[in-house]
Amino acid sequence: VEKGAGTHFIDFSEYPLQPNSIFFISPTQIHLLQPSEKPFGTAILFKPEFLHFIGLSEAQLVESGIFHDFDHSPVLLEEQNIATLKHLVDQLFDLQSSSNLALIAAYLKVFLLRCMELKADAQNDFRRNNRAQNIVYDFRKRVDHNFQKKHKVADYAEAMHLSPNHLNEVIKKHTG
């Protein structure tokens, strides 16, 4: 989002639509833009198969938190990041009618890797500032990796050095 204001609903959660922000939305997510001021920005769409072509997997994007993360809040970009990403997007758009898929793939890969890095930085800042969200994040990561083996809250609580009641309370309070 380069300009504009309003609200972006993603999976029934509300996020501010504001300049210098970037949202990551997968095809399975429900989203709705409700602008209060006409937005201007760029959307980049690609099929999951294209990830294999550029040497990335869906798992890498999921692990990075770009797609399918419980926190869909936008990454707010700093000036130096805006210039870098804008340059990459401009290059992608200049190449959109090109038949040189390898070059398009290279720019998209660099763009996604840079976004993964920015998302990780934003998540680290967020987690550092909020203990309860750290617990939620840690729990969700553990469930994603162990759901086939561990089925009880007590199993996760023990691994996280928490009581099952405390883990249950935190999860209910912060995820609904």
Protein backbone atom coordinates (compact mmCIF):
# COMPACT_ATOMS: atom_id res chain seq x y z
CA VAL A 1 0.00 0.00 0.00
CA GLU A 2 1.59 3.24 -1.12
CA LYS A 3 -1.28 5.61 -0.34
CA GLY A 4 -4.70 5.40 1.22
CA ALA A 5 -6.46 4.65 4.46
CA GLY A 6 -9.14 2.35 5.73
CA THR A 7 -9.47 -1.17 7.04
CA HIS A 8 -8.33 -4.50 5.68
CA PHE A 9 -10.20 -7.52 7.04
CA ILE A 10 -8.24 -10.77 6.80
CA ASP A 11 -9.76 -13.99 8.12
CA PHE A 12 -12.27 -11.93 10.15
CA SER A 13 -9.58 -9.85 11.86
CA GLU A 14 -9.27 -6.11 11.30
CA TYR A 15 -6.05 -4.37 10.27
CA PRO A 16 -5.37 -0.73 9.40
CA LEU A 17 -4.83 0.09 5.77
CA GLN A 18 -2.06 2.65 5.76
CA PRO A 19 0.76 3.91 3.57
CA ASN A 20 4.07 2.05 3.45
CA SER A 21 2.62 -1.29 4.47
CA ILE A 22 2.66 -4.69 2.86
CA PHE A 23 0.10 -7.49 3.36
CA PHE A 24 0.64 -11.16 2.56
CA ILE A 25 -2.53 -13.04 1.65
CA SER A 26 -2.78 -16.61 0.44
CA PRO A 27 -5.51 -17.83 -1.91
CA THR A 28 -7.33 -19.64 0.91
CA GLN A 29 -7.70 -16.57 3.09
CA ILE A 30 -10.82 -14.44 3.22
CA HIS A 31 -10.12 -10.74 2.89
CA LEU A 32 -12.00 -7.52 2.30
CA LEU A 33 -10.68 -4.02 1.74
CA GLN A 34 -12.79 -1.16 3.11
CA PRO A 35 -11.00 2.04 2.16
CA SER A 36 -11.91 5.37 3.77
CA GLU A 37 -9.50 7.06 1.36
CA LYS A 38 -8.75 5.81 -2.14
CA PRO A 39 -5.88 3.32 -1.89
CA PHE A 40 -3.00 3.03 -4.31
CA GLY A 41 -0.51 0.21 -4.35
CA THR A 42 0.58 -2.97 -6.02
CA ALA A 43 -0.70 -6.54 -5.90
CA ILE A 44 1.53 -9.39 -6.99
CA LEU A 45 -0.24 -12.66 -7.77
CA PHE A 46 1.38 -15.97 -8.58
CA LYS A 47 0.44 -19.62 -8.55
CA PRO A 48 1.96 -22.00 -5.98
CA GLU A 49 3.58 -23.93 -8.83
CA PHE A 50 5.67 -20.88 -9.63
CA LEU A 51 7.36 -21.21 -6.24
CA HIS A 52 8.93 -24.49 -7.35
CA PHE A 53 10.15 -22.82 -10.52
CA ILE A 54 11.97 -20.15 -8.48
CA GLY A 55 13.38 -22.63 -5.99
CA LEU A 56 11.15 -21.85 -3.01
CA SER A 57 8.57 -24.08 -1.38
CA GLU A 58 5.23 -23.26 0.16
CA ALA A 59 6.64 -24.64 3.41
CA GLN A 60 9.38 -21.98 3.39
CA LEU A 61 6.81 -19.21 2.99
CA VAL A 62 4.60 -20.69 5.69
CA GLU A 63 7.56 -21.12 8.03
CA SER A 64 8.65 -17.54 7.38
CA GLY A 65 5.22 -16.30 8.48
CA ILE A 66 4.38 -14.65 5.16
CA PHE A 67 1.42 -16.94 4.45
CA HIS A 68 -0.86 -18.88 6.81
CA ASP A 69 0.47 -17.13 9.88
CA PHE A 70 -1.93 -16.39 12.74
CA ASP A 71 -0.79 -12.76 12.69
CA HIS A 72 -1.91 -11.20 9.40
CA SER A 73 -0.92 -7.69 10.38
CA PRO A 74 0.92 -5.76 7.70
CA VAL A 75 4.62 -5.16 7.76
CA LEU A 76 5.25 -1.43 8.06
CA LEU A 77 8.11 -0.51 5.80
CA GLU A 78 10.94 1.88 6.58
CA GLU A 79 12.23 4.23 3.88
CA GLN A 80 15.21 2.09 2.82
CA ASN A 81 12.97 -0.98 2.51
CA ILE A 82 10.37 0.92 0.49
CA ALA A 83 12.97 1.91 -2.09
CA THR A 84 14.35 -1.64 -2.37
CA LEU A 85 10.95 -3.31 -2.74
CA LYS A 86 9.66 -0.61 -5.10
CA HIS A 87 12.67 -1.16 -7.36
CA LEU A 88 12.02 -4.92 -7.43
CA VAL A 89 8.31 -4.39 -8.16
CA ASP A 90 9.13 -1.92 -10.94
CA GLN A 91 11.47 -4.49 -12.49
CA LEU A 92 8.77 -7.18 -12.28
CA PHE A 93 6.24 -4.93 -13.99
CA ASP A 94 8.73 -3.96 -16.70
CA LEU A 95 9.20 -7.67 -17.39
CA GLN A 96 5.55 -8.74 -17.27
CA SER A 97 5.26 -8.98 -21.05
CA SER A 98 8.67 -10.64 -21.34
CA SER A 99 9.04 -14.28 -22.24
CA ASN A 100 12.14 -14.50 -20.04
CA LEU A 101 10.61 -16.44 -17.15
CA ALA A 102 14.00 -17.01 -15.54
CA LEU A 103 14.51 -13.26 -15.11
CA ILE A 104 10.97 -12.73 -13.79
CA ALA A 105 11.52 -15.66 -11.42
CA ALA A 106 14.78 -14.19 -10.16
CA TYR A 107 13.19 -10.84 -9.33
CA LEU A 108 10.20 -12.50 -7.66
CA LYS A 109 12.49 -14.73 -5.62
CA VAL A 110 14.55 -11.76 -4.41
CA PHE A 111 11.32 -9.88 -3.62
CA LEU A 112 9.91 -12.80 -1.59
CA LEU A 113 13.19 -13.44 0.23
CA ARG A 114 13.41 -9.78 1.19
CA CYS A 115 9.77 -9.85 2.36
CA MET A 116 10.47 -12.98 4.41
CA GLU A 117 13.32 -11.16 6.09
CA LEU A 118 11.16 -8.08 6.81
CA LYS A 119 8.31 -10.22 8.17
CA ALA A 120 10.74 -12.10 10.43
CA ASP A 121 12.14 -8.82 11.75
CA ALA A 122 8.61 -7.51 12.42
CA GLN A 123 7.59 -10.74 14.17
CA ASN A 124 10.73 -10.71 16.32
CA ASP A 125 10.03 -7.13 17.39
CA PHE A 126 6.41 -8.04 18.15
CA ARG A 127 7.29 -11.16 20.16
CA ARG A 128 9.97 -9.35 22.11
CA ASN A 129 7.35 -6.86 23.27
CA ASN A 130 4.58 -9.19 24.34
CA ARG A 131 4.93 -12.24 26.61
CA ALA A 132 1.40 -13.54 26.00
CA GLN A 133 1.87 -13.34 22.26
CA ASN A 134 5.14 -15.23 22.67
CA ILE A 135 3.22 -18.03 24.35
CA VAL A 136 0.59 -18.05 21.58
CA TYR A 137 3.26 -18.03 18.88
CA ASP A 138 5.27 -20.80 20.55
CA PHE A 139 2.15 -22.91 21.10
CA ARG A 140 1.02 -22.57 17.48
CA LYS A 141 4.47 -23.45 16.19
CA ARG A 142 4.54 -26.52 18.39
CA VAL A 143 1.06 -27.58 17.29
CA ASP A 144 2.02 -27.12 13.62
CA HIS A 145 5.03 -29.39 14.09
CA ASN A 146 3.58 -31.97 16.52
CA PHE A 147 -0.20 -32.17 16.00
CA GLN A 148 0.00 -35.75 14.75
CA LYS A 149 1.86 -36.93 17.87
CA LYS A 150 0.62 -34.65 20.66
CA HIS A 151 -3.09 -34.18 21.26
CA LYS A 152 -3.33 -32.84 24.81
CA VAL A 153 -2.80 -29.31 26.05
CA ALA A 154 -0.82 -30.79 28.94
CA ASP A 155 1.76 -32.18 26.51
CA TYR A 156 2.38 -28.74 25.04
CA ALA A 157 2.24 -27.00 28.41
CA GLU A 158 4.90 -29.31 29.82
CA ALA A 159 7.20 -28.68 26.86
CA MET A 160 6.69 -24.92 27.30
CA HIS A 161 7.25 -25.07 31.09
CA LEU A 162 3.72 -23.81 31.81
CA SER A 163 0.75 -25.23 33.62
CA PRO A 164 -2.00 -26.57 31.36
CA ASN A 165 -4.50 -24.14 32.92
CA HIS A 166 -2.27 -21.11 32.28
CA LEU A 167 -1.62 -22.16 28.67
CA ASN A 168 -5.34 -22.70 28.13
CA GLU A 169 -6.21 -19.28 29.59
CA VAL A 170 -3.62 -17.44 27.49
CA ILE A 171 -4.69 -19.18 24.27
CA LYS A 172 -8.39 -18.49 24.90
CA LYS A 173 -7.79 -14.87 25.81
CA HIS A 174 -5.59 -14.06 22.83
CA THR A 175 -7.12 -16.17 20.08
CA GLY A 176 -10.78 -16.22 20.96
